[in-house]
Amino acid sequence: MSFKFKSMQVTICVFAALKTYFNNEFVMEMDSEFSITQLKEKLIELNPMAEPVMMRCRFAISDSFVSPDYVLNHEERICVIPPSSGG
């Protein structure tokens, strides 16, 4: 059985350069049927200075990367992972 929420909460975890723009972990409330693309847009709206990094980030849920059209579920934990360089 599945339930639809009029609004839902998700936990956002950010890493590396994104910690400059956001708290390490925070909760967002949003409408149901919210995609990763919409989440990215909302995060940029919250802090426009983060846009250059956000446009290159990948998103993961339950240790797996998800596509931009993935629709979020209530109480999910989303990891926002910026690009990294190694050497």
Protein backbone atom coordinates (compact mmCIF):
# COMPACT_ATOMS: atom_id res chain seq x y z
CA MET A 1 0.00 0.00 0.00
CA SER A 2 1.28 3.45 -0.91
CA PHE A 3 0.34 6.80 0.60
CA LYS A 4 0.56 10.21 -1.07
CA PHE A 5 1.61 13.15 1.09
CA LYS A 6 0.42 16.69 0.35
CA SER A 7 3.82 17.79 1.53
CA MET A 8 6.83 15.76 2.43
CA GLN A 9 10.14 16.11 4.14
CA VAL A 10 13.46 14.92 2.85
CA THR A 11 16.91 15.14 4.38
CA ILE A 12 19.61 16.72 2.26
CA CYS A 13 23.29 15.90 2.89
CA VAL A 14 25.96 17.92 1.11
CA PHE A 15 29.67 17.30 0.73
CA ALA A 16 32.92 19.05 -0.16
CA ALA A 17 32.50 22.48 -1.81
CA LEU A 18 28.75 22.52 -1.14
CA LYS A 19 29.43 22.87 2.60
CA THR A 20 30.41 26.46 1.80
CA TYR A 21 26.83 27.15 0.70
CA PHE A 22 24.64 24.88 2.84
CA ASN A 23 24.61 23.17 6.24
CA ASN A 24 26.13 19.68 6.12
CA GLU A 25 22.69 18.15 6.63
CA PHE A 26 19.27 19.78 6.66
CA VAL A 27 15.61 18.96 6.17
CA MET A 28 13.50 20.39 3.35
CA GLU A 29 9.74 20.31 3.06
CA MET A 30 8.31 20.18 -0.44
CA ASP A 31 5.29 19.19 -2.45
CA SER A 32 4.86 15.58 -3.40
CA GLU A 33 5.96 14.53 -6.89
CA PHE A 34 9.20 16.49 -6.59
CA SER A 35 12.01 15.33 -8.89
CA ILE A 36 15.79 15.55 -8.50
CA THR A 37 15.78 18.27 -11.18
CA GLN A 38 13.26 20.29 -9.18
CA LEU A 39 15.28 19.73 -6.01
CA LYS A 40 18.40 21.03 -7.74
CA GLU A 41 16.48 24.12 -8.88
CA LYS A 42 15.18 24.69 -5.34
CA LEU A 43 18.68 24.40 -3.86
CA ILE A 44 19.98 26.94 -6.37
CA GLU A 45 17.07 29.20 -5.47
CA LEU A 46 17.98 28.90 -1.77
CA ASN A 47 21.59 29.87 -2.51
CA PRO A 48 22.26 31.21 -6.02
CA MET A 49 26.01 31.32 -5.29
CA ALA A 50 25.99 27.50 -5.28
CA GLU A 51 24.77 27.24 -8.89
CA PRO A 52 28.15 26.60 -10.58
CA VAL A 53 28.79 23.63 -8.27
CA MET A 54 25.17 22.40 -8.20
CA MET A 55 25.01 22.18 -12.00
CA ARG A 56 27.78 19.56 -11.91
CA CYS A 57 26.56 17.51 -8.92
CA ARG A 58 25.22 13.98 -8.82
CA PHE A 59 22.49 12.86 -6.45
CA ALA A 60 22.36 9.59 -4.54
CA ILE A 61 19.72 7.85 -2.46
CA SER A 62 20.48 4.71 -0.45
CA ASP A 63 24.06 4.57 -1.73
CA SER A 64 22.97 4.59 -5.40
CA PHE A 65 23.08 7.43 -7.90
CA VAL A 66 19.67 8.44 -9.25
CA SER A 67 18.65 10.11 -12.51
CA PRO A 68 17.42 13.73 -12.73
CA ASP A 69 13.85 12.52 -13.30
CA TYR A 70 13.80 10.38 -10.13
CA VAL A 71 10.77 11.37 -8.01
CA LEU A 72 11.53 11.81 -4.32
CA ASN A 73 9.68 9.93 -1.59
CA HIS A 74 8.73 11.08 1.88
CA GLU A 75 11.59 10.97 4.41
CA GLU A 76 14.28 9.98 1.90
CA ARG A 77 17.88 10.99 2.54
CA ILE A 78 19.45 12.59 -0.52
CA CYS A 79 23.21 12.98 -0.86
CA VAL A 80 24.34 15.80 -3.13
CA ILE A 81 27.79 14.94 -4.41
CA PRO A 82 29.87 17.55 -6.23
CA PRO A 83 32.56 16.58 -8.71
CA SER A 84 35.90 15.75 -7.18
CA SER A 85 39.42 15.75 -8.46
CA GLY A 86 42.13 13.34 -7.52
CA GLY A 87 45.77 13.13 -8.04
